[in-house]
Every structure is written in C-alpha cells, then in structure tokens.
mmCIF file of all heavy atoms, coordinates in Angstrom:
data_MODEL
# 
_entry.id   MODEL 
# 
loop_
_atom_site.group_PDB 
_atom_site.id 
_atom_site.type_symbol 
_atom_site.label_atom_id 
_atom_site.label_alt_id 
_atom_site.label_comp_id 
_atom_site.label_asym_id 
_atom_site.label_entity_id 
_atom_site.label_seq_id 
_atom_site.pdbx_PDB_ins_code 
_atom_site.Cartn_x 
_atom_site.Cartn_y 
_atom_site.Cartn_z 
_atom_site.occupancy 
_atom_site.B_iso_or_equiv 
_atom_site.pdbx_formal_charge 
_atom_site.auth_seq_id 
_atom_site.auth_comp_id 
_atom_site.auth_asym_id 
_atom_site.auth_atom_id 
_atom_site.pdbx_PDB_model_num 
ATOM 1   N N   . GLY A 1 1  ? 123.176 106.784 94.864  1.00 0.00 ? 1  GLY A N   1 
ATOM 2   C CA  . GLY A 1 1  ? 124.039 107.375 95.973  1.00 0.00 ? 1  GLY A CA  1 
ATOM 3   C C   . GLY A 1 1  ? 123.922 108.843 96.074  1.00 0.00 ? 1  GLY A C   1 
ATOM 4   O O   . GLY A 1 1  ? 124.836 109.485 96.628  1.00 0.00 ? 1  GLY A O   1 
ATOM 5   N N   . ALA A 1 2  ? 122.866 109.421 95.631  1.00 0.00 ? 2  ALA A N   1 
ATOM 6   C CA  . ALA A 1 2  ? 122.780 110.924 95.712  1.00 0.00 ? 2  ALA A CA  1 
ATOM 7   C C   . ALA A 1 2  ? 122.434 111.294 97.161  1.00 0.00 ? 2  ALA A C   1 
ATOM 8   O O   . ALA A 1 2  ? 121.701 110.703 97.822  1.00 0.00 ? 2  ALA A O   1 
ATOM 9   C CB  . ALA A 1 2  ? 121.651 111.390 94.732  1.00 0.00 ? 2  ALA A CB  1 
ATOM 10  N N   . GLU A 1 3  ? 123.055 112.488 97.490  1.00 0.00 ? 3  GLU A N   1 
ATOM 11  C CA  . GLU A 1 3  ? 122.951 112.918 98.888  1.00 0.00 ? 3  GLU A CA  1 
ATOM 12  C C   . GLU A 1 3  ? 121.753 113.863 98.995  1.00 0.00 ? 3  GLU A C   1 
ATOM 13  O O   . GLU A 1 3  ? 121.195 114.365 97.894  1.00 0.00 ? 3  GLU A O   1 
ATOM 14  C CB  . GLU A 1 3  ? 124.115 113.708 99.385  1.00 0.00 ? 3  GLU A CB  1 
ATOM 15  C CG  . GLU A 1 3  ? 125.466 112.981 99.366  1.00 0.00 ? 3  GLU A CG  1 
ATOM 16  C CD  . GLU A 1 3  ? 126.647 113.688 99.848  1.00 0.00 ? 3  GLU A CD  1 
ATOM 17  O OE1 . GLU A 1 3  ? 126.493 114.962 100.042 1.00 0.00 ? 3  GLU A OE1 1 
ATOM 18  O OE2 . GLU A 1 3  ? 127.664 113.166 99.865  1.00 0.00 ? 3  GLU A OE2 1 
ATOM 19  N N   . GLY A 1 4  ? 121.147 113.938 100.205 1.00 0.00 ? 4  GLY A N   1 
ATOM 20  C CA  . GLY A 1 4  ? 119.997 114.864 100.385 1.00 0.00 ? 4  GLY A CA  1 
ATOM 21  C C   . GLY A 1 4  ? 118.635 114.308 100.036 1.00 0.00 ? 4  GLY A C   1 
ATOM 22  O O   . GLY A 1 4  ? 117.707 115.073 100.094 1.00 0.00 ? 4  GLY A O   1 
ATOM 23  N N   . LEU A 1 5  ? 118.585 112.997 99.609  1.00 0.00 ? 5  LEU A N   1 
ATOM 24  C CA  . LEU A 1 5  ? 117.306 112.549 99.299  1.00 0.00 ? 5  LEU A CA  1 
ATOM 25  C C   . LEU A 1 5  ? 116.715 111.731 100.540 1.00 0.00 ? 5  LEU A C   1 
ATOM 26  O O   . LEU A 1 5  ? 117.457 111.078 101.323 1.00 0.00 ? 5  LEU A O   1 
ATOM 27  C CB  . LEU A 1 5  ? 117.420 111.394 98.231  1.00 0.00 ? 5  LEU A CB  1 
ATOM 28  C CG  . LEU A 1 5  ? 117.786 111.981 96.793  1.00 0.00 ? 5  LEU A CG  1 
ATOM 29  C CD1 . LEU A 1 5  ? 118.075 110.796 95.829  1.00 0.00 ? 5  LEU A CD1 1 
ATOM 30  C CD2 . LEU A 1 5  ? 116.776 112.884 96.231  1.00 0.00 ? 5  LEU A CD2 1 
ATOM 31  N N   . THR A 1 6  ? 115.418 111.852 100.748 1.00 0.00 ? 6  THR A N   1 
ATOM 32  C CA  . THR A 1 6  ? 114.739 111.223 101.806 1.00 0.00 ? 6  THR A CA  1 
ATOM 33  C C   . THR A 1 6  ? 114.535 109.740 101.437 1.00 0.00 ? 6  THR A C   1 
ATOM 34  O O   . THR A 1 6  ? 114.575 109.392 100.268 1.00 0.00 ? 6  THR A O   1 
ATOM 35  C CB  . THR A 1 6  ? 113.367 111.802 102.213 1.00 0.00 ? 6  THR A CB  1 
ATOM 36  O OG1 . THR A 1 6  ? 112.523 111.563 101.091 1.00 0.00 ? 6  THR A OG1 1 
ATOM 37  C CG2 . THR A 1 6  ? 113.540 113.288 102.398 1.00 0.00 ? 6  THR A CG2 1 
ATOM 38  N N   . ASP A 1 7  ? 114.251 108.910 102.443 1.00 0.00 ? 7  ASP A N   1 
ATOM 39  C CA  . ASP A 1 7  ? 114.030 107.545 102.162 1.00 0.00 ? 7  ASP A CA  1 
ATOM 40  C C   . ASP A 1 7  ? 112.758 107.315 101.296 1.00 0.00 ? 7  ASP A C   1 
ATOM 41  O O   . ASP A 1 7  ? 112.791 106.527 100.294 1.00 0.00 ? 7  ASP A O   1 
ATOM 42  C CB  . ASP A 1 7  ? 113.670 106.765 103.550 1.00 0.00 ? 7  ASP A CB  1 
ATOM 43  C CG  . ASP A 1 7  ? 114.954 106.627 104.412 1.00 0.00 ? 7  ASP A CG  1 
ATOM 44  O OD1 . ASP A 1 7  ? 116.107 106.929 103.890 1.00 0.00 ? 7  ASP A OD1 1 
ATOM 45  O OD2 . ASP A 1 7  ? 114.843 106.143 105.505 1.00 0.00 ? 7  ASP A OD2 1 
ATOM 46  N N   . GLU A 1 8  ? 111.811 108.163 101.437 1.00 0.00 ? 8  GLU A N   1 
ATOM 47  C CA  . GLU A 1 8  ? 110.590 108.170 100.633 1.00 0.00 ? 8  GLU A CA  1 
ATOM 48  C C   . GLU A 1 8  ? 110.905 108.502 99.206  1.00 0.00 ? 8  GLU A C   1 
ATOM 49  O O   . GLU A 1 8  ? 110.411 107.807 98.314  1.00 0.00 ? 8  GLU A O   1 
ATOM 50  C CB  . GLU A 1 8  ? 109.577 109.120 101.170 1.00 0.00 ? 8  GLU A CB  1 
ATOM 51  C CG  . GLU A 1 8  ? 108.236 109.070 100.464 1.00 0.00 ? 8  GLU A CG  1 
ATOM 52  C CD  . GLU A 1 8  ? 107.265 110.053 101.119 1.00 0.00 ? 8  GLU A CD  1 
ATOM 53  O OE1 . GLU A 1 8  ? 107.517 110.823 101.955 1.00 0.00 ? 8  GLU A OE1 1 
ATOM 54  O OE2 . GLU A 1 8  ? 106.147 110.059 100.517 1.00 0.00 ? 8  GLU A OE2 1 
ATOM 55  N N   . GLN A 1 9  ? 111.804 109.459 98.990  1.00 0.00 ? 9  GLN A N   1 
ATOM 56  C CA  . GLN A 1 9  ? 112.159 109.799 97.623  1.00 0.00 ? 9  GLN A CA  1 
ATOM 57  C C   . GLN A 1 9  ? 112.828 108.680 96.893  1.00 0.00 ? 9  GLN A C   1 
ATOM 58  O O   . GLN A 1 9  ? 112.688 108.422 95.826  1.00 0.00 ? 9  GLN A O   1 
ATOM 59  C CB  . GLN A 1 9  ? 112.955 111.140 97.676  1.00 0.00 ? 9  GLN A CB  1 
ATOM 60  C CG  . GLN A 1 9  ? 112.145 112.437 98.027  1.00 0.00 ? 9  GLN A CG  1 
ATOM 61  C CD  . GLN A 1 9  ? 113.107 113.559 98.023  1.00 0.00 ? 9  GLN A CD  1 
ATOM 62  O OE1 . GLN A 1 9  ? 114.193 113.483 98.603  1.00 0.00 ? 9  GLN A OE1 1 
ATOM 63  N NE2 . GLN A 1 9  ? 112.484 114.726 97.631  1.00 0.00 ? 9  GLN A NE2 1 
ATOM 64  N N   . GLN A 1 10 ? 113.738 108.081 97.637  1.00 0.00 ? 10 GLN A N   1 
ATOM 65  C CA  . GLN A 1 10 ? 114.428 106.950 97.094  1.00 0.00 ? 10 GLN A CA  1 
ATOM 66  C C   . GLN A 1 10 ? 113.631 105.774 96.641  1.00 0.00 ? 10 GLN A C   1 
ATOM 67  O O   . GLN A 1 10 ? 113.793 105.197 95.505  1.00 0.00 ? 10 GLN A O   1 
ATOM 68  C CB  . GLN A 1 10 ? 115.651 106.489 98.001  1.00 0.00 ? 10 GLN A CB  1 
ATOM 69  C CG  . GLN A 1 10 ? 116.646 107.607 98.305  1.00 0.00 ? 10 GLN A CG  1 
ATOM 70  C CD  . GLN A 1 10 ? 118.161 107.126 98.636  1.00 0.00 ? 10 GLN A CD  1 
ATOM 71  O OE1 . GLN A 1 10 ? 118.652 106.203 97.822  1.00 0.00 ? 10 GLN A OE1 1 
ATOM 72  N NE2 . GLN A 1 10 ? 118.642 107.451 99.653  1.00 0.00 ? 10 GLN A NE2 1 
ATOM 73  N N   . LEU A 1 11 ? 112.765 105.459 97.585  1.00 0.00 ? 11 LEU A N   1 
ATOM 74  C CA  . LEU A 1 11 ? 111.819 104.325 97.222  1.00 0.00 ? 11 LEU A CA  1 
ATOM 75  C C   . LEU A 1 11 ? 110.758 104.763 96.090  1.00 0.00 ? 11 LEU A C   1 
ATOM 76  O O   . LEU A 1 11 ? 110.576 103.828 95.251  1.00 0.00 ? 11 LEU A O   1 
ATOM 77  C CB  . LEU A 1 11 ? 110.814 104.027 98.495  1.00 0.00 ? 11 LEU A CB  1 
ATOM 78  C CG  . LEU A 1 11 ? 111.591 103.173 99.554  1.00 0.00 ? 11 LEU A CG  1 
ATOM 79  C CD1 . LEU A 1 11 ? 110.754 103.105 100.876 1.00 0.00 ? 11 LEU A CD1 1 
ATOM 80  C CD2 . LEU A 1 11 ? 111.961 101.771 98.954  1.00 0.00 ? 11 LEU A CD2 1 
ATOM 81  N N   . GLU A 1 12 ? 110.444 105.982 95.994  1.00 0.00 ? 12 GLU A N   1 
ATOM 82  C CA  . GLU A 1 12 ? 109.710 106.474 94.919  1.00 0.00 ? 12 GLU A CA  1 
ATOM 83  C C   . GLU A 1 12 ? 110.324 106.302 93.628  1.00 0.00 ? 12 GLU A C   1 
ATOM 84  O O   . GLU A 1 12 ? 109.780 105.894 92.622  1.00 0.00 ? 12 GLU A O   1 
ATOM 85  C CB  . GLU A 1 12 ? 109.175 107.922 95.149  1.00 0.00 ? 12 GLU A CB  1 
ATOM 86  C CG  . GLU A 1 12 ? 108.187 108.455 94.094  1.00 0.00 ? 12 GLU A CG  1 
ATOM 87  C CD  . GLU A 1 12 ? 107.725 109.827 94.365  1.00 0.00 ? 12 GLU A CD  1 
ATOM 88  O OE1 . GLU A 1 12 ? 108.319 110.401 95.302  1.00 0.00 ? 12 GLU A OE1 1 
ATOM 89  O OE2 . GLU A 1 12 ? 106.812 110.284 93.743  1.00 0.00 ? 12 GLU A OE2 1 
ATOM 90  N N   . MET A 1 13 ? 111.687 106.626 93.606  1.00 0.00 ? 13 MET A N   1 
ATOM 91  C CA  . MET A 1 13 ? 112.444 106.591 92.371  1.00 0.00 ? 13 MET A CA  1 
ATOM 92  C C   . MET A 1 13 ? 112.482 105.117 92.016  1.00 0.00 ? 13 MET A C   1 
ATOM 93  O O   . MET A 1 13 ? 112.397 104.674 90.767  1.00 0.00 ? 13 MET A O   1 
ATOM 94  C CB  . MET A 1 13 ? 113.889 107.064 92.622  1.00 0.00 ? 13 MET A CB  1 
ATOM 95  C CG  . MET A 1 13 ? 113.827 108.552 92.617  1.00 0.00 ? 13 MET A CG  1 
ATOM 96  S SD  . MET A 1 13 ? 115.559 109.212 92.470  1.00 0.00 ? 13 MET A SD  1 
ATOM 97  C CE  . MET A 1 13 ? 116.419 108.332 93.883  1.00 0.00 ? 13 MET A CE  1 
ATOM 98  N N   . TRP A 1 14 ? 112.831 104.250 93.007  1.00 0.00 ? 14 TRP A N   1 
ATOM 99  C CA  . TRP A 1 14 ? 112.968 102.792 92.743  1.00 0.00 ? 14 TRP A CA  1 
ATOM 100 C C   . TRP A 1 14 ? 111.703 102.234 92.185  1.00 0.00 ? 14 TRP A C   1 
ATOM 101 O O   . TRP A 1 14 ? 111.757 101.434 91.252  1.00 0.00 ? 14 TRP A O   1 
ATOM 102 C CB  . TRP A 1 14 ? 113.432 102.115 94.079  1.00 0.00 ? 14 TRP A CB  1 
ATOM 103 C CG  . TRP A 1 14 ? 113.567 100.652 93.975  1.00 0.00 ? 14 TRP A CG  1 
ATOM 104 C CD1 . TRP A 1 14 ? 112.767 99.596  94.364  1.00 0.00 ? 14 TRP A CD1 1 
ATOM 105 C CD2 . TRP A 1 14 ? 114.756 99.992  93.368  1.00 0.00 ? 14 TRP A CD2 1 
ATOM 106 N NE1 . TRP A 1 14 ? 113.294 98.424  94.129  1.00 0.00 ? 14 TRP A NE1 1 
ATOM 107 C CE2 . TRP A 1 14 ? 114.502 98.560  93.498  1.00 0.00 ? 14 TRP A CE2 1 
ATOM 108 C CE3 . TRP A 1 14 ? 115.943 100.437 92.708  1.00 0.00 ? 14 TRP A CE3 1 
ATOM 109 C CZ2 . TRP A 1 14 ? 115.483 97.621  92.994  1.00 0.00 ? 14 TRP A CZ2 1 
ATOM 110 C CZ3 . TRP A 1 14 ? 116.796 99.559  92.280  1.00 0.00 ? 14 TRP A CZ3 1 
ATOM 111 C CH2 . TRP A 1 14 ? 116.604 98.098  92.467  1.00 0.00 ? 14 TRP A CH2 1 
ATOM 112 N N   . GLU A 1 15 ? 110.566 102.468 92.609  1.00 0.00 ? 15 GLU A N   1 
ATOM 113 C CA  . GLU A 1 15 ? 109.351 101.879 92.295  1.00 0.00 ? 15 GLU A CA  1 
ATOM 114 C C   . GLU A 1 15 ? 108.985 102.465 90.812  1.00 0.00 ? 15 GLU A C   1 
ATOM 115 O O   . GLU A 1 15 ? 108.335 101.604 89.999  1.00 0.00 ? 15 GLU A O   1 
ATOM 116 C CB  . GLU A 1 15 ? 108.179 102.149 93.224  1.00 0.00 ? 15 GLU A CB  1 
ATOM 117 C CG  . GLU A 1 15 ? 108.411 101.496 94.562  1.00 0.00 ? 15 GLU A CG  1 
ATOM 118 C CD  . GLU A 1 15 ? 107.379 101.883 95.572  1.00 0.00 ? 15 GLU A CD  1 
ATOM 119 O OE1 . GLU A 1 15 ? 106.666 102.759 95.308  1.00 0.00 ? 15 GLU A OE1 1 
ATOM 120 O OE2 . GLU A 1 15 ? 107.449 101.345 96.762  1.00 0.00 ? 15 GLU A OE2 1 
ATOM 121 N N   . SER A 1 16 ? 109.448 103.668 90.587  1.00 0.00 ? 16 SER A N   1 
ATOM 122 C CA  . SER A 1 16 ? 109.099 104.141 89.272  1.00 0.00 ? 16 SER A CA  1 
ATOM 123 C C   . SER A 1 16 ? 109.724 103.479 87.978  1.00 0.00 ? 16 SER A C   1 
ATOM 124 O O   . SER A 1 16 ? 109.270 103.535 86.952  1.00 0.00 ? 16 SER A O   1 
ATOM 125 C CB  . SER A 1 16 ? 109.416 105.752 89.187  1.00 0.00 ? 16 SER A CB  1 
ATOM 126 O OG  . SER A 1 16 ? 110.822 105.883 89.002  1.00 0.00 ? 16 SER A OG  1 
ATOM 127 N N   . ILE A 1 17 ? 110.869 102.747 88.370  1.00 0.00 ? 17 ILE A N   1 
ATOM 128 C CA  . ILE A 1 17 ? 111.633 102.137 87.220  1.00 0.00 ? 17 ILE A CA  1 
ATOM 129 C C   . ILE A 1 17 ? 111.270 100.667 87.194  1.00 0.00 ? 17 ILE A C   1 
ATOM 130 O O   . ILE A 1 17 ? 111.821 99.896  86.390  1.00 0.00 ? 17 ILE A O   1 
ATOM 131 C CB  . ILE A 1 17 ? 113.162 102.321 87.371  1.00 0.00 ? 17 ILE A CB  1 
ATOM 132 C CG1 . ILE A 1 17 ? 113.597 101.670 88.705  1.00 0.00 ? 17 ILE A CG1 1 
ATOM 133 C CG2 . ILE A 1 17 ? 113.512 103.735 87.318  1.00 0.00 ? 17 ILE A CG2 1 
ATOM 134 C CD1 . ILE A 1 17 ? 115.151 101.750 88.904  1.00 0.00 ? 17 ILE A CD1 1 
ATOM 135 N N   . TYR A 1 18 ? 110.313 100.144 88.010  1.00 0.00 ? 18 TYR A N   1 
ATOM 136 C CA  . TYR A 1 18 ? 109.954 98.696  88.004  1.00 0.00 ? 18 TYR A CA  1 
ATOM 137 C C   . TYR A 1 18 ? 109.177 98.447  86.734  1.00 0.00 ? 18 TYR A C   1 
ATOM 138 O O   . TYR A 1 18 ? 108.273 99.150  86.380  1.00 0.00 ? 18 TYR A O   1 
ATOM 139 C CB  . TYR A 1 18 ? 109.113 98.460  89.234  1.00 0.00 ? 18 TYR A CB  1 
ATOM 140 C CG  . TYR A 1 18 ? 108.554 96.942  89.260  1.00 0.00 ? 18 TYR A CG  1 
ATOM 141 C CD1 . TYR A 1 18 ? 109.322 95.935  89.384  1.00 0.00 ? 18 TYR A CD1 1 
ATOM 142 C CD2 . TYR A 1 18 ? 107.191 96.804  89.018  1.00 0.00 ? 18 TYR A CD2 1 
ATOM 143 C CE1 . TYR A 1 18 ? 108.788 94.691  89.472  1.00 0.00 ? 18 TYR A CE1 1 
ATOM 144 C CE2 . TYR A 1 18 ? 106.662 95.529  88.954  1.00 0.00 ? 18 TYR A CE2 1 
ATOM 145 C CZ  . TYR A 1 18 ? 107.503 94.452  89.106  1.00 0.00 ? 18 TYR A CZ  1 
ATOM 146 O OH  . TYR A 1 18 ? 106.967 93.280  89.137  1.00 0.00 ? 18 TYR A OH  1 
ATOM 147 N N   . ILE A 1 19 ? 109.499 97.402  86.100  1.00 0.00 ? 19 ILE A N   1 
ATOM 148 C CA  . ILE A 1 19 ? 108.757 96.818  84.844  1.00 0.00 ? 19 ILE A CA  1 
ATOM 149 C C   . ILE A 1 19 ? 108.223 95.561  85.261  1.00 0.00 ? 19 ILE A C   1 
ATOM 150 O O   . ILE A 1 19 ? 108.865 94.574  85.481  1.00 0.00 ? 19 ILE A O   1 
ATOM 151 C CB  . ILE A 1 19 ? 109.740 96.765  83.676  1.00 0.00 ? 19 ILE A CB  1 
ATOM 152 C CG1 . ILE A 1 19 ? 110.352 98.002  83.488  1.00 0.00 ? 19 ILE A CG1 1 
ATOM 153 C CG2 . ILE A 1 19 ? 108.934 96.327  82.461  1.00 0.00 ? 19 ILE A CG2 1 
ATOM 154 C CD1 . ILE A 1 19 ? 111.472 98.010  82.283  1.00 0.00 ? 19 ILE A CD1 1 
ATOM 155 N N   . GLU A 1 20 ? 106.875 95.382  85.155  1.00 0.00 ? 20 GLU A N   1 
ATOM 156 C CA  . GLU A 1 20 ? 106.137 94.132  85.493  1.00 0.00 ? 20 GLU A CA  1 
ATOM 157 C C   . GLU A 1 20 ? 106.229 93.188  84.369  1.00 0.00 ? 20 GLU A C   1 
ATOM 158 O O   . GLU A 1 20 ? 106.172 93.564  83.163  1.00 0.00 ? 20 GLU A O   1 
ATOM 159 C CB  . GLU A 1 20 ? 104.715 94.513  85.891  1.00 0.00 ? 20 GLU A CB  1 
ATOM 160 C CG  . GLU A 1 20 ? 104.003 93.298  86.356  1.00 0.00 ? 20 GLU A CG  1 
ATOM 161 C CD  . GLU A 1 20 ? 102.484 93.689  86.800  1.00 0.00 ? 20 GLU A CD  1 
ATOM 162 O OE1 . GLU A 1 20 ? 102.146 94.826  86.658  1.00 0.00 ? 20 GLU A OE1 1 
ATOM 163 O OE2 . GLU A 1 20 ? 101.909 92.817  87.337  1.00 0.00 ? 20 GLU A OE2 1 
ATOM 164 N N   . GLY A 1 21 ? 106.173 91.924  84.582  1.00 0.00 ? 21 GLY A N   1 
ATOM 165 C CA  . GLY A 1 21 ? 105.918 90.862  83.624  1.00 0.00 ? 21 GLY A CA  1 
ATOM 166 C C   . GLY A 1 21 ? 107.148 90.111  83.135  1.00 0.00 ? 21 GLY A C   1 
ATOM 167 O O   . GLY A 1 21 ? 108.338 90.376  83.651  1.00 0.00 ? 21 GLY A O   1 
ATOM 168 N N   . THR A 1 22 ? 106.989 89.144  82.333  1.00 0.00 ? 22 THR A N   1 
ATOM 169 C CA  . THR A 1 22 ? 108.026 88.407  81.834  1.00 0.00 ? 22 THR A CA  1 
ATOM 170 C C   . THR A 1 22 ? 108.041 88.328  80.279  1.00 0.00 ? 22 THR A C   1 
ATOM 171 O O   . THR A 1 22 ? 107.009 88.643  79.671  1.00 0.00 ? 22 THR A O   1 
ATOM 172 C CB  . THR A 1 22 ? 108.100 86.932  82.363  1.00 0.00 ? 22 THR A CB  1 
ATOM 173 O OG1 . THR A 1 22 ? 106.735 86.355  81.983  1.00 0.00 ? 22 THR A OG1 1 
ATOM 174 C CG2 . THR A 1 22 ? 108.190 86.855  83.888  1.00 0.00 ? 22 THR A CG2 1 
ATOM 175 N N   . ARG A 1 23 ? 109.107 87.904  79.659  1.00 0.00 ? 23 ARG A N   1 
ATOM 176 C CA  . ARG A 1 23 ? 109.049 87.645  78.228  1.00 0.00 ? 23 ARG A CA  1 
ATOM 177 C C   . ARG A 1 23 ? 109.917 86.358  77.911  1.00 0.00 ? 23 ARG A C   1 
ATOM 178 O O   . ARG A 1 23 ? 110.658 85.889  78.744  1.00 0.00 ? 23 ARG A O   1 
ATOM 179 C CB  . ARG A 1 23 ? 109.709 88.836  77.518  1.00 0.00 ? 23 ARG A CB  1 
ATOM 180 C CG  . ARG A 1 23 ? 111.105 89.079  77.747  1.00 0.00 ? 23 ARG A CG  1 
ATOM 181 C CD  . ARG A 1 23 ? 111.615 90.422  77.122  1.00 0.00 ? 23 ARG A CD  1 
ATOM 182 N NE  . ARG A 1 23 ? 113.093 90.595  77.354  1.00 0.00 ? 23 ARG A NE  1 
ATOM 183 C CZ  . ARG A 1 23 ? 114.099 90.036  76.778  1.00 0.00 ? 23 ARG A CZ  1 
ATOM 184 N NH1 . ARG A 1 23 ? 113.864 89.184  75.813  1.00 0.00 ? 23 ARG A NH1 1 
ATOM 185 N NH2 . ARG A 1 23 ? 115.302 90.417  77.064  1.00 0.00 ? 23 ARG A NH2 1 
ATOM 186 N N   . THR A 1 24 ? 109.793 85.965  76.701  1.00 0.00 ? 24 THR A N   1 
ATOM 187 C CA  . THR A 1 24 ? 110.591 84.695  76.265  1.00 0.00 ? 24 THR A CA  1 
ATOM 188 C C   . THR A 1 24 ? 111.734 85.221  75.374  1.00 0.00 ? 24 THR A C   1 
ATOM 189 O O   . THR A 1 24 ? 111.571 85.952  74.408  1.00 0.00 ? 24 THR A O   1 
ATOM 190 C CB  . THR A 1 24 ? 109.722 83.733  75.403  1.00 0.00 ? 24 THR A CB  1 
ATOM 191 O OG1 . THR A 1 24 ? 108.609 83.361  76.338  1.00 0.00 ? 24 THR A OG1 1 
ATOM 192 C CG2 . THR A 1 24 ? 110.490 82.557  75.048  1.00 0.00 ? 24 THR A CG2 1 
ATOM 193 N N   . ASN A 1 25 ? 112.960 84.798  75.797  1.00 0.00 ? 25 ASN A N   1 
ATOM 194 C CA  . ASN A 1 25 ? 114.117 85.263  74.973  1.00 0.00 ? 25 ASN A CA  1 
ATOM 195 C C   . ASN A 1 25 ? 114.388 84.389  73.791  1.00 0.00 ? 25 ASN A C   1 
ATOM 196 O O   . ASN A 1 25 ? 113.538 83.446  73.518  1.00 0.00 ? 25 ASN A O   1 
ATOM 197 C CB  . ASN A 1 25 ? 115.339 85.311  75.973  1.00 0.00 ? 25 ASN A CB  1 
ATOM 198 C CG  . ASN A 1 25 ? 115.787 83.945  76.444  1.00 0.00 ? 25 ASN A CG  1 
ATOM 199 O OD1 . ASN A 1 25 ? 115.245 82.915  76.094  1.00 0.00 ? 25 ASN A OD1 1 
ATOM 200 N ND2 . ASN A 1 25 ? 116.765 83.892  77.444  1.00 0.00 ? 25 ASN A ND2 1 
ATOM 201 N N   . GLU A 1 26 ? 115.381 84.692  73.124  1.00 0.00 ? 26 GLU A N   1 
ATOM 202 C CA  . GLU A 1 26 ? 115.637 83.823  71.811  1.00 0.00 ? 26 GLU A CA  1 
ATOM 203 C C   . GLU A 1 26 ? 115.910 82.389  72.082  1.00 0.00 ? 26 GLU A C   1 
ATOM 204 O O   . GLU A 1 26 ? 115.770 81.547  71.282  1.00 0.00 ? 26 GLU A O   1 
ATOM 205 C CB  . GLU A 1 26 ? 116.815 84.465  71.022  1.00 0.00 ? 26 GLU A CB  1 
ATOM 206 C CG  . GLU A 1 26 ? 116.446 85.906  70.565  1.00 0.00 ? 26 GLU A CG  1 
ATOM 207 C CD  . GLU A 1 26 ? 117.669 86.521  69.836  1.00 0.00 ? 26 GLU A CD  1 
ATOM 208 O OE1 . GLU A 1 26 ? 118.733 85.811  69.776  1.00 0.00 ? 26 GLU A OE1 1 
ATOM 209 O OE2 . GLU A 1 26 ? 117.596 87.635  69.385  1.00 0.00 ? 26 GLU A OE2 1 
ATOM 210 N N   . ALA A 1 27 ? 116.370 82.049  73.273  1.00 0.00 ? 27 ALA A N   1 
ATOM 211 C CA  . ALA A 1 27 ? 116.614 80.706  73.621  1.00 0.00 ? 27 ALA A CA  1 
ATOM 212 C C   . ALA A 1 27 ? 115.388 79.983  74.147  1.00 0.00 ? 27 ALA A C   1 
ATOM 213 O O   . ALA A 1 27 ? 115.365 78.701  74.489  1.00 0.00 ? 27 ALA A O   1 
ATOM 214 C CB  . ALA A 1 27 ? 117.798 80.581  74.787  1.00 0.00 ? 27 ALA A CB  1 
# 
C-alpha cells in the first residue's frame, strides 16, 4: 500500500518475491 509507486514498480516487486516449485510437507 505504499504511495508514489508506479504500476510497473509494484509488479516488479511482486514478481521478485515469487518462489517457484513445490515441496512435500510433514503430512
């Protein structure tokens, strides 16, 4: 919710935190 960010900057931040793949949990 930060002000002053462009749409491109927000999408860039969003894509930077994406983690690909899956794992098997304890169950």
